[in-house]
Every structure is written in structure tokens, then in C-alpha cells.
All heavy atoms as atom14 arrays in JSON, in Angstrom:
{
  "sequence": "KERQQTNWSMAESERYLRAGDSIRALEELYNIPKTHVINSISIKRI",
  "atom14_mask": [
    [1, 1, 1, 1, 1, 1, 1, 1, 1, 0, 0, 0, 0, 0],
    [1, 1, 1, 1, 1, 1, 1, 1, 1, 0, 0, 0, 0, 0],
    [1, 1, 1, 1, 1, 1, 1, 1, 1, 1, 1, 0, 0, 0],
    [1, 1, 1, 1, 1, 1, 1, 1, 1, 0, 0, 0, 0, 0],
    [1, 1, 1, 1, 1, 1, 1, 1, 1, 0, 0, 0, 0, 0],
    [1, 1, 1, 1, 1, 1, 1, 0, 0, 0, 0, 0, 0, 0],
    [1, 1, 1, 1, 1, 1, 1, 1, 0, 0, 0, 0, 0, 0],
    [1, 1, 1, 1, 1, 1, 1, 1, 1, 1, 1, 1, 1, 1],
    [1, 1, 1, 1, 1, 1, 0, 0, 0, 0, 0, 0, 0, 0],
    [1, 1, 1, 1, 1, 1, 1, 1, 0, 0, 0, 0, 0, 0],
    [1, 1, 1, 1, 1, 0, 0, 0, 0, 0, 0, 0, 0, 0],
    [1, 1, 1, 1, 1, 1, 1, 1, 1, 0, 0, 0, 0, 0],
    [1, 1, 1, 1, 1, 1, 0, 0, 0, 0, 0, 0, 0, 0],
    [1, 1, 1, 1, 1, 1, 1, 1, 1, 0, 0, 0, 0, 0],
    [1, 1, 1, 1, 1, 1, 1, 1, 1, 1, 1, 0, 0, 0],
    [1, 1, 1, 1, 1, 1, 1, 1, 1, 1, 1, 1, 0, 0],
    [1, 1, 1, 1, 1, 1, 1, 1, 0, 0, 0, 0, 0, 0],
    [1, 1, 1, 1, 1, 1, 1, 1, 1, 1, 1, 0, 0, 0],
    [1, 1, 1, 1, 1, 0, 0, 0, 0, 0, 0, 0, 0, 0],
    [1, 1, 1, 1, 0, 0, 0, 0, 0, 0, 0, 0, 0, 0],
    [1, 1, 1, 1, 1, 1, 1, 1, 0, 0, 0, 0, 0, 0],
    [1, 1, 1, 1, 1, 1, 0, 0, 0, 0, 0, 0, 0, 0],
    [1, 1, 1, 1, 1, 1, 1, 1, 0, 0, 0, 0, 0, 0],
    [1, 1, 1, 1, 1, 1, 1, 1, 1, 1, 1, 0, 0, 0],
    [1, 1, 1, 1, 1, 0, 0, 0, 0, 0, 0, 0, 0, 0],
    [1, 1, 1, 1, 1, 1, 1, 1, 0, 0, 0, 0, 0, 0],
    [1, 1, 1, 1, 1, 1, 1, 1, 1, 0, 0, 0, 0, 0],
    [1, 1, 1, 1, 1, 1, 1, 1, 1, 0, 0, 0, 0, 0],
    [1, 1, 1, 1, 1, 1, 1, 1, 0, 0, 0, 0, 0, 0],
    [1, 1, 1, 1, 1, 1, 1, 1, 1, 1, 1, 1, 0, 0],
    [1, 1, 1, 1, 1, 1, 1, 1, 0, 0, 0, 0, 0, 0],
    [1, 1, 1, 1, 1, 1, 1, 1, 0, 0, 0, 0, 0, 0],
    [1, 1, 1, 1, 1, 1, 1, 0, 0, 0, 0, 0, 0, 0],
    [1, 1, 1, 1, 1, 1, 1, 1, 1, 0, 0, 0, 0, 0],
    [1, 1, 1, 1, 1, 1, 1, 0, 0, 0, 0, 0, 0, 0],
    [1, 1, 1, 1, 1, 1, 1, 1, 1, 1, 0, 0, 0, 0],
    [1, 1, 1, 1, 1, 1, 1, 0, 0, 0, 0, 0, 0, 0],
    [1, 1, 1, 1, 1, 1, 1, 1, 0, 0, 0, 0, 0, 0],
    [1, 1, 1, 1, 1, 1, 1, 1, 0, 0, 0, 0, 0, 0],
    [1, 1, 1, 1, 1, 1, 0, 0, 0, 0, 0, 0, 0, 0],
    [1, 1, 1, 1, 1, 1, 1, 1, 0, 0, 0, 0, 0, 0],
    [1, 1, 1, 1, 1, 1, 0, 0, 0, 0, 0, 0, 0, 0],
    [1, 1, 1, 1, 1, 1, 1, 1, 0, 0, 0, 0, 0, 0],
    [1, 1, 1, 1, 1, 1, 1, 1, 1, 0, 0, 0, 0, 0],
    [1, 1, 1, 1, 1, 1, 1, 1, 1, 1, 1, 0, 0, 0],
    [1, 1, 1, 1, 1, 1, 1, 1, 0, 0, 0, 0, 0, 0]
  ],
  "atom14_positions": [
    [[105.24, 107.1, 72.45], [104.17, 107.31, 73.42], [104.39, 106.45, 74.67], [104.12, 106.88, 75.79], [102.82, 106.98, 72.8], [102.37, 107.94, 71.7], [101.0, 107.55, 71.16], [100.56, 108.52, 70.07], [99.23, 108.13, 69.52], [0.0, 0.0, 0.0], [0.0, 0.0, 0.0], [0.0, 0.0, 0.0], [0.0, 0.0, 0.0], [0.0, 0.0, 0.0]],
    [[104.91, 105.25, 74.46], [105.12, 104.34, 75.59], [106.15, 104.89, 76.57], [105.94, 104.85, 77.78], [105.56, 102.96, 75.07], [104.51, 102.2, 74.3], [104.51, 102.56, 72.81], [105.22, 103.52, 72.42], [103.8, 101.9, 72.05], [0.0, 0.0, 0.0], [0.0, 0.0, 0.0], [0.0, 0.0, 0.0], [0.0, 0.0, 0.0], [0.0, 0.0, 0.0]],
    [[107.26, 105.39, 76.04], [108.3, 105.93, 76.92], [107.82, 107.19, 77.63], [108.05, 107.39, 78.83], [109.55, 106.25, 76.12], [110.64, 105.23, 76.17], [111.52, 105.34, 77.39], [112.39, 106.48, 77.34], [113.43, 106.6, 76.53], [113.72, 105.64, 75.67], [114.2, 107.67, 76.57], [0.0, 0.0, 0.0], [0.0, 0.0, 0.0], [0.0, 0.0, 0.0]],
    [[107.17, 108.05, 76.88], [106.68, 109.29, 77.47], [105.64, 109.01, 78.54], [105.66, 109.64, 79.61], [106.09, 110.19, 76.38], [107.14, 110.75, 75.42], [106.55, 111.62, 74.33], [105.32, 111.67, 74.17], [107.4, 112.3, 73.57], [0.0, 0.0, 0.0], [0.0, 0.0, 0.0], [0.0, 0.0, 0.0], [0.0, 0.0, 0.0], [0.0, 0.0, 0.0]],
    [[104.74, 108.07, 78.29], [103.73, 107.72, 79.28], [104.37, 107.11, 80.51], [103.97, 107.4, 81.65], [102.72, 106.74, 78.69], [101.61, 106.32, 79.65], [100.75, 107.5, 80.11], [100.26, 108.26, 79.28], [100.57, 107.65, 81.42], [0.0, 0.0, 0.0], [0.0, 0.0, 0.0], [0.0, 0.0, 0.0], [0.0, 0.0, 0.0], [0.0, 0.0, 0.0]],
    [[105.39, 106.26, 80.31], [106.08, 105.64, 81.44], [106.74, 106.69, 82.32], [106.57, 106.69, 83.55], [107.14, 104.64, 80.93], [106.49, 103.59, 80.21], [107.91, 104.04, 82.1], [0.0, 0.0, 0.0], [0.0, 0.0, 0.0], [0.0, 0.0, 0.0], [0.0, 0.0, 0.0], [0.0, 0.0, 0.0], [0.0, 0.0, 0.0], [0.0, 0.0, 0.0]],
    [[107.5, 107.58, 81.71], [108.18, 108.61, 82.48], [107.18, 109.53, 83.19], [107.4, 109.92, 84.34], [109.09, 109.44, 81.57], [110.33, 108.67, 81.14], [110.76, 107.74, 81.81], [110.9, 109.03, 80.01], [0.0, 0.0, 0.0], [0.0, 0.0, 0.0], [0.0, 0.0, 0.0], [0.0, 0.0, 0.0], [0.0, 0.0, 0.0], [0.0, 0.0, 0.0]],
    [[106.1, 109.86, 82.49], [105.08, 110.73, 83.07], [104.41, 110.06, 84.27], [104.26, 110.66, 85.34], [104.04, 111.11, 82.03], [102.85, 111.83, 82.59], [101.63, 111.3, 82.91], [102.77, 113.22, 82.93], [100.79, 112.26, 83.41], [101.46, 113.46, 83.45], [103.66, 114.28, 82.85], [101.04, 114.71, 83.87], [103.24, 115.54, 83.27], [101.95, 115.74, 83.77]],
    [[104.01, 108.8, 84.1], [103.31, 108.09, 85.17], [104.19, 107.91, 86.4], [103.73, 108.06, 87.53], [102.82, 106.72, 84.67], [101.84, 106.88, 83.66], [0.0, 0.0, 0.0], [0.0, 0.0, 0.0], [0.0, 0.0, 0.0], [0.0, 0.0, 0.0], [0.0, 0.0, 0.0], [0.0, 0.0, 0.0], [0.0, 0.0, 0.0], [0.0, 0.0, 0.0]],
    [[105.45, 107.59, 86.19], [106.36, 107.4, 87.32], [106.57, 108.72, 88.06], [106.59, 108.75, 89.3], [107.69, 106.83, 86.82], [107.58, 105.41, 86.31], [109.12, 104.72, 85.69], [110.03, 104.55, 87.23], [0.0, 0.0, 0.0], [0.0, 0.0, 0.0], [0.0, 0.0, 0.0], [0.0, 0.0, 0.0], [0.0, 0.0, 0.0], [0.0, 0.0, 0.0]],
    [[106.72, 109.81, 87.3], [106.91, 111.12, 87.93], [105.65, 111.55, 88.7], [105.73, 112.07, 89.82], [107.27, 112.17, 86.88], [0.0, 0.0, 0.0], [0.0, 0.0, 0.0], [0.0, 0.0, 0.0], [0.0, 0.0, 0.0], [0.0, 0.0, 0.0], [0.0, 0.0, 0.0], [0.0, 0.0, 0.0], [0.0, 0.0, 0.0], [0.0, 0.0, 0.0]],
    [[104.49, 111.31, 88.1], [103.23, 111.67, 88.75], [102.99, 110.83, 90.0], [102.5, 111.33, 91.01], [102.06, 111.5, 87.77], [101.95, 112.59, 86.74], [101.6, 113.92, 87.38], [100.42, 114.14, 87.7], [102.53, 114.75, 87.57], [0.0, 0.0, 0.0], [0.0, 0.0, 0.0], [0.0, 0.0, 0.0], [0.0, 0.0, 0.0], [0.0, 0.0, 0.0]],
    [[103.34, 109.56, 89.93], [103.19, 108.7, 91.09], [104.03, 109.21, 92.26], [103.55, 109.27, 93.41], [103.61, 107.27, 90.75], [103.5, 106.42, 91.87], [0.0, 0.0, 0.0], [0.0, 0.0, 0.0], [0.0, 0.0, 0.0], [0.0, 0.0, 0.0], [0.0, 0.0, 0.0], [0.0, 0.0, 0.0], [0.0, 0.0, 0.0], [0.0, 0.0, 0.0]],
    [[105.25, 109.6, 91.99], [106.11, 110.16, 93.04], [105.54, 111.46, 93.58], [105.62, 111.74, 94.79], [107.52, 110.38, 92.5], [108.28, 109.09, 92.21], [108.45, 108.22, 93.45], [108.71, 108.79, 94.54], [108.31, 106.99, 93.34], [0.0, 0.0, 0.0], [0.0, 0.0, 0.0], [0.0, 0.0, 0.0], [0.0, 0.0, 0.0], [0.0, 0.0, 0.0]],
    [[104.97, 112.26, 92.7], [104.39, 113.55, 93.14], [103.21, 113.31, 94.08], [103.08, 113.96, 95.11], [103.95, 114.35, 91.92], [103.42, 115.75, 92.25], [103.14, 116.54, 91.01], [101.99, 116.03, 90.29], [100.73, 116.34, 90.57], [100.45, 117.15, 91.6], [99.74, 115.87, 89.85], [0.0, 0.0, 0.0], [0.0, 0.0, 0.0], [0.0, 0.0, 0.0]],
    [[102.35, 112.35, 93.74], [101.21, 112.04, 94.59], [101.66, 111.45, 95.93], [101.06, 111.72, 96.98], [100.25, 111.08, 93.89], [99.36, 111.75, 92.87], [99.38, 111.35, 91.53], [98.51, 112.79, 93.23], [98.56, 111.97, 90.58], [97.68, 113.41, 92.3], [97.73, 112.99, 90.97], [96.92, 113.62, 90.04], [0.0, 0.0, 0.0], [0.0, 0.0, 0.0]],
    [[102.72, 110.65, 95.89], [103.24, 110.1, 97.14], [103.72, 111.2, 98.06], [103.46, 111.17, 99.27], [104.39, 109.12, 96.83], [104.02, 107.67, 96.54], [105.27, 106.87, 96.25], [103.25, 107.06, 97.7], [0.0, 0.0, 0.0], [0.0, 0.0, 0.0], [0.0, 0.0, 0.0], [0.0, 0.0, 0.0], [0.0, 0.0, 0.0], [0.0, 0.0, 0.0]],
    [[104.43, 112.16, 97.51], [104.92, 113.28, 98.33], [103.76, 114.08, 98.92], [103.88, 114.65, 100.0], [105.83, 114.2, 97.5], [107.17, 113.57, 97.15], [108.14, 114.61, 96.62], [107.66, 115.2, 95.37], [107.94, 114.72, 94.17], [108.69, 113.64, 94.04], [107.48, 115.33, 93.09], [0.0, 0.0, 0.0], [0.0, 0.0, 0.0], [0.0, 0.0, 0.0]],
    [[102.65, 114.09, 98.2], [101.46, 114.82, 98.67], [100.62, 113.98, 99.62], [99.61, 114.46, 100.15], [100.61, 115.27, 97.47], [0.0, 0.0, 0.0], [0.0, 0.0, 0.0], [0.0, 0.0, 0.0], [0.0, 0.0, 0.0], [0.0, 0.0, 0.0], [0.0, 0.0, 0.0], [0.0, 0.0, 0.0], [0.0, 0.0, 0.0], [0.0, 0.0, 0.0]],
    [[101.02, 112.72, 99.84], [100.29, 111.86, 100.77], [99.09, 111.17, 100.17], [98.26, 110.62, 100.9], [0.0, 0.0, 0.0], [0.0, 0.0, 0.0], [0.0, 0.0, 0.0], [0.0, 0.0, 0.0], [0.0, 0.0, 0.0], [0.0, 0.0, 0.0], [0.0, 0.0, 0.0], [0.0, 0.0, 0.0], [0.0, 0.0, 0.0], [0.0, 0.0, 0.0]],
    [[98.98, 111.16, 98.84], [97.84, 110.53, 98.17], [98.29, 109.2, 97.57], [98.62, 109.09, 96.39], [97.31, 111.45, 97.06], [95.95, 110.99, 96.53], [95.6, 109.81, 96.71], [95.24, 111.82, 95.92], [0.0, 0.0, 0.0], [0.0, 0.0, 0.0], [0.0, 0.0, 0.0], [0.0, 0.0, 0.0], [0.0, 0.0, 0.0], [0.0, 0.0, 0.0]],
    [[98.28, 108.15, 98.38], [98.78, 106.85, 97.94], [97.9, 106.2, 96.88], [98.4, 105.48, 96.01], [98.9, 105.91, 99.15], [99.83, 106.4, 100.08], [0.0, 0.0, 0.0], [0.0, 0.0, 0.0], [0.0, 0.0, 0.0], [0.0, 0.0, 0.0], [0.0, 0.0, 0.0], [0.0, 0.0, 0.0], [0.0, 0.0, 0.0], [0.0, 0.0, 0.0]],
    [[96.59, 106.45, 96.97], [95.67, 105.84, 95.99], [95.95, 106.37, 94.59], [96.06, 105.61, 93.63], [94.21, 106.11, 96.4], [93.88, 105.36, 97.7], [93.26, 105.66, 95.29], [92.48, 105.6, 98.21], [0.0, 0.0, 0.0], [0.0, 0.0, 0.0], [0.0, 0.0, 0.0], [0.0, 0.0, 0.0], [0.0, 0.0, 0.0], [0.0, 0.0, 0.0]],
    [[96.1, 107.69, 94.45], [96.39, 108.26, 93.15], [97.79, 107.84, 92.67], [98.02, 107.64, 91.47], [96.3, 109.8, 93.2], [94.89, 110.34, 93.4], [94.0, 110.04, 92.18], [94.5, 110.66, 90.96], [94.23, 111.91, 90.59], [93.49, 112.69, 91.38], [94.68, 112.39, 89.46], [0.0, 0.0, 0.0], [0.0, 0.0, 0.0], [0.0, 0.0, 0.0]],
    [[98.71, 107.71, 93.61], [100.06, 107.27, 93.27], [100.02, 105.87, 92.67], [100.71, 105.58, 91.68], [100.96, 107.31, 94.49], [0.0, 0.0, 0.0], [0.0, 0.0, 0.0], [0.0, 0.0, 0.0], [0.0, 0.0, 0.0], [0.0, 0.0, 0.0], [0.0, 0.0, 0.0], [0.0, 0.0, 0.0], [0.0, 0.0, 0.0], [0.0, 0.0, 0.0]],
    [[99.2, 105.0, 93.26], [99.07, 103.63, 92.75], [98.39, 103.63, 91.39], [98.79, 102.89, 90.48], [98.27, 102.79, 93.74], [98.07, 101.32, 93.37], [99.42, 100.61, 93.24], [97.19, 100.62, 94.41], [0.0, 0.0, 0.0], [0.0, 0.0, 0.0], [0.0, 0.0, 0.0], [0.0, 0.0, 0.0], [0.0, 0.0, 0.0], [0.0, 0.0, 0.0]],
    [[97.38, 104.46, 91.22], [96.68, 104.55, 89.94], [97.65, 104.94, 88.82], [97.57, 104.41, 87.7], [95.53, 105.56, 90.03], [94.37, 105.09, 90.88], [93.32, 106.16, 91.06], [93.58, 107.33, 90.67], [92.25, 105.85, 91.61], [0.0, 0.0, 0.0], [0.0, 0.0, 0.0], [0.0, 0.0, 0.0], [0.0, 0.0, 0.0], [0.0, 0.0, 0.0]],
    [[98.54, 105.86, 89.11], [99.5, 106.28, 88.09], [100.44, 105.14, 87.71], [100.81, 104.99, 86.54], [100.32, 107.48, 88.59], [99.56, 108.8, 88.56], [99.18, 109.22, 87.14], [99.82, 108.76, 86.18], [98.22, 110.01, 87.0], [0.0, 0.0, 0.0], [0.0, 0.0, 0.0], [0.0, 0.0, 0.0], [0.0, 0.0, 0.0], [0.0, 0.0, 0.0]],
    [[100.81, 104.33, 88.69], [101.69, 103.19, 88.38], [100.99, 102.18, 87.48], [101.63, 101.49, 86.68], [102.15, 102.51, 89.66], [103.13, 103.3, 90.54], [103.49, 102.49, 91.78], [104.4, 103.65, 89.76], [0.0, 0.0, 0.0], [0.0, 0.0, 0.0], [0.0, 0.0, 0.0], [0.0, 0.0, 0.0], [0.0, 0.0, 0.0], [0.0, 0.0, 0.0]],
    [[99.66, 102.1, 87.58], [98.92, 101.21, 86.7], [98.64, 101.82, 85.33], [98.1, 101.16, 84.45], [97.61, 100.76, 87.37], [97.81, 99.59, 88.29], [97.78, 99.74, 89.68], [98.07, 98.31, 87.78], [97.98, 98.66, 90.52], [98.29, 97.24, 88.63], [98.24, 97.42, 89.99], [98.47, 96.35, 90.83], [0.0, 0.0, 0.0], [0.0, 0.0, 0.0]],
    [[99.03, 103.08, 85.15], [98.94, 103.72, 83.83], [100.18, 103.49, 82.99], [100.24, 103.9, 81.82], [98.7, 105.22, 83.98], [97.3, 105.55, 84.44], [96.36, 104.78, 84.19], [97.12, 106.67, 85.13], [0.0, 0.0, 0.0], [0.0, 0.0, 0.0], [0.0, 0.0, 0.0], [0.0, 0.0, 0.0], [0.0, 0.0, 0.0], [0.0, 0.0, 0.0]],
    [[101.19, 102.86, 83.57], [102.41, 102.55, 82.82], [102.07, 101.49, 81.77], [101.47, 100.47, 82.09], [103.52, 102.04, 83.76], [103.94, 103.17, 84.72], [104.71, 101.52, 82.98], [104.92, 102.73, 85.78], [0.0, 0.0, 0.0], [0.0, 0.0, 0.0], [0.0, 0.0, 0.0], [0.0, 0.0, 0.0], [0.0, 0.0, 0.0], [0.0, 0.0, 0.0]],
    [[102.46, 101.7, 80.51], [102.17, 100.71, 79.45], [102.76, 99.34, 79.77], [103.81, 99.23, 80.41], [102.84, 101.33, 78.22], [102.94, 102.79, 78.51], [103.15, 102.9, 79.99], [0.0, 0.0, 0.0], [0.0, 0.0, 0.0], [0.0, 0.0, 0.0], [0.0, 0.0, 0.0], [0.0, 0.0, 0.0], [0.0, 0.0, 0.0], [0.0, 0.0, 0.0]],
    [[102.1, 98.3, 79.31], [102.55, 96.93, 79.57], [103.96, 96.69, 79.03], [104.7, 95.87, 79.57], [101.58, 95.93, 78.94], [100.22, 95.89, 79.62], [99.32, 94.83, 78.98], [97.96, 94.78, 79.67], [97.07, 93.75, 79.04], [0.0, 0.0, 0.0], [0.0, 0.0, 0.0], [0.0, 0.0, 0.0], [0.0, 0.0, 0.0], [0.0, 0.0, 0.0]],
    [[104.32, 97.41, 77.97], [105.65, 97.24, 77.39], [106.75, 97.61, 78.37], [107.89, 97.15, 78.23], [105.81, 98.12, 76.14], [105.5, 99.49, 76.49], [104.89, 97.65, 75.04], [0.0, 0.0, 0.0], [0.0, 0.0, 0.0], [0.0, 0.0, 0.0], [0.0, 0.0, 0.0], [0.0, 0.0, 0.0], [0.0, 0.0, 0.0], [0.0, 0.0, 0.0]],
    [[106.44, 98.44, 79.35], [107.45, 98.95, 80.28], [107.23, 98.49, 81.72], [107.88, 98.98, 82.63], [107.47, 100.48, 80.23], [108.1, 101.02, 78.99], [107.57, 100.83, 77.74], [109.25, 101.74, 78.81], [108.34, 101.42, 76.85], [109.37, 101.96, 77.46], [0.0, 0.0, 0.0], [0.0, 0.0, 0.0], [0.0, 0.0, 0.0], [0.0, 0.0, 0.0]],
    [[106.33, 97.54, 81.92], [106.1, 97.02, 83.26], [107.11, 95.9, 83.52], [107.04, 94.84, 82.9], [104.67, 96.5, 83.45], [104.52, 95.84, 84.81], [103.68, 97.64, 83.31], [0.0, 0.0, 0.0], [0.0, 0.0, 0.0], [0.0, 0.0, 0.0], [0.0, 0.0, 0.0], [0.0, 0.0, 0.0], [0.0, 0.0, 0.0], [0.0, 0.0, 0.0]],
    [[108.02, 96.15, 84.42], [109.05, 95.18, 84.77], [108.89, 94.8, 86.24], [108.0, 95.29, 86.94], [110.45, 95.74, 84.48], [110.64, 97.08, 85.19], [110.67, 95.88, 82.98], [111.98, 97.69, 85.0], [0.0, 0.0, 0.0], [0.0, 0.0, 0.0], [0.0, 0.0, 0.0], [0.0, 0.0, 0.0], [0.0, 0.0, 0.0], [0.0, 0.0, 0.0]],
    [[109.77, 93.95, 86.73], [109.6, 93.39, 88.06], [109.57, 94.47, 89.15], [108.79, 94.38, 90.1], [110.72, 92.4, 88.34], [110.29, 91.3, 89.29], [109.17, 90.81, 89.2], [111.16, 90.93, 90.19], [0.0, 0.0, 0.0], [0.0, 0.0, 0.0], [0.0, 0.0, 0.0], [0.0, 0.0, 0.0], [0.0, 0.0, 0.0], [0.0, 0.0, 0.0]],
    [[110.43, 95.46, 89.03], [110.46, 96.5, 90.06], [109.16, 97.28, 90.12], [108.73, 97.71, 91.18], [111.62, 97.47, 89.8], [111.44, 98.15, 88.59], [0.0, 0.0, 0.0], [0.0, 0.0, 0.0], [0.0, 0.0, 0.0], [0.0, 0.0, 0.0], [0.0, 0.0, 0.0], [0.0, 0.0, 0.0], [0.0, 0.0, 0.0], [0.0, 0.0, 0.0]],
    [[108.52, 97.47, 88.96], [107.23, 98.17, 88.94], [106.17, 97.33, 89.64], [105.37, 97.84, 90.42], [106.8, 98.49, 87.49], [107.85, 99.37, 86.8], [105.43, 99.16, 87.48], [108.04, 100.72, 87.45], [0.0, 0.0, 0.0], [0.0, 0.0, 0.0], [0.0, 0.0, 0.0], [0.0, 0.0, 0.0], [0.0, 0.0, 0.0], [0.0, 0.0, 0.0]],
    [[106.16, 96.03, 89.35], [105.2, 95.14, 89.99], [105.35, 95.17, 91.51], [104.37, 95.27, 92.26], [105.38, 93.7, 89.48], [105.01, 93.59, 88.13], [0.0, 0.0, 0.0], [0.0, 0.0, 0.0], [0.0, 0.0, 0.0], [0.0, 0.0, 0.0], [0.0, 0.0, 0.0], [0.0, 0.0, 0.0], [0.0, 0.0, 0.0], [0.0, 0.0, 0.0]],
    [[106.59, 95.07, 91.98], [106.84, 95.07, 93.42], [106.49, 96.42, 94.03], [105.93, 96.49, 95.13], [108.3, 94.69, 93.7], [108.55, 93.24, 93.27], [108.63, 94.87, 95.18], [110.0, 92.82, 93.35], [0.0, 0.0, 0.0], [0.0, 0.0, 0.0], [0.0, 0.0, 0.0], [0.0, 0.0, 0.0], [0.0, 0.0, 0.0], [0.0, 0.0, 0.0]],
    [[106.78, 97.49, 93.32], [106.45, 98.83, 93.82], [104.94, 98.97, 93.98], [104.45, 99.52, 94.97], [106.98, 99.89, 92.85], [106.85, 101.32, 93.34], [107.46, 102.28, 92.34], [107.37, 103.72, 92.8], [108.22, 103.98, 93.99], [0.0, 0.0, 0.0], [0.0, 0.0, 0.0], [0.0, 0.0, 0.0], [0.0, 0.0, 0.0], [0.0, 0.0, 0.0]],
    [[104.17, 98.46, 93.02], [102.71, 98.54, 93.1], [102.18, 97.7, 94.27], [101.28, 98.12, 94.99], [102.1, 98.1, 91.77], [102.45, 99.05, 90.62], [101.62, 98.88, 89.38], [101.76, 97.62, 88.69], [101.62, 97.49, 87.37], [101.36, 98.56, 86.61], [101.73, 96.31, 86.79], [0.0, 0.0, 0.0], [0.0, 0.0, 0.0], [0.0, 0.0, 0.0]],
    [[102.75, 96.51, 94.46], [102.32, 95.66, 95.56], [102.62, 96.31, 96.9], [101.77, 96.33, 97.81], [103.01, 94.28, 95.46], [102.43, 93.49, 94.28], [102.84, 93.49, 96.75], [103.18, 92.2, 93.98], [0.0, 0.0, 0.0], [0.0, 0.0, 0.0], [0.0, 0.0, 0.0], [0.0, 0.0, 0.0], [0.0, 0.0, 0.0], [0.0, 0.0, 0.0]]
  ]
}
């Protein structure tokens, strides 16, 4: 579930970014499980 959620959230975040919805894109990045939150994810969210 963790890997699937991570891949889904990252893909959805990119989709919202392409659509110009930065708020939803950020929300999706915060849906990534803690097990898969690494430095690049933190910086991307910031």
C-alpha cells in the first residue's frame, strides 16, 4: 500500500501541477506515506 500510494500521489501531484492547481498538487505530496518521505520530497513540498 505504501509504494502504491507513493506512486499514485506523486503522479497526481504532477497532474495537478500541469493543470495549474498548485494547492491540490501540494496536498497530494502530503499524502505520501511517512515511510517514503525523503529529502527530495520535503524540498519539493517547500
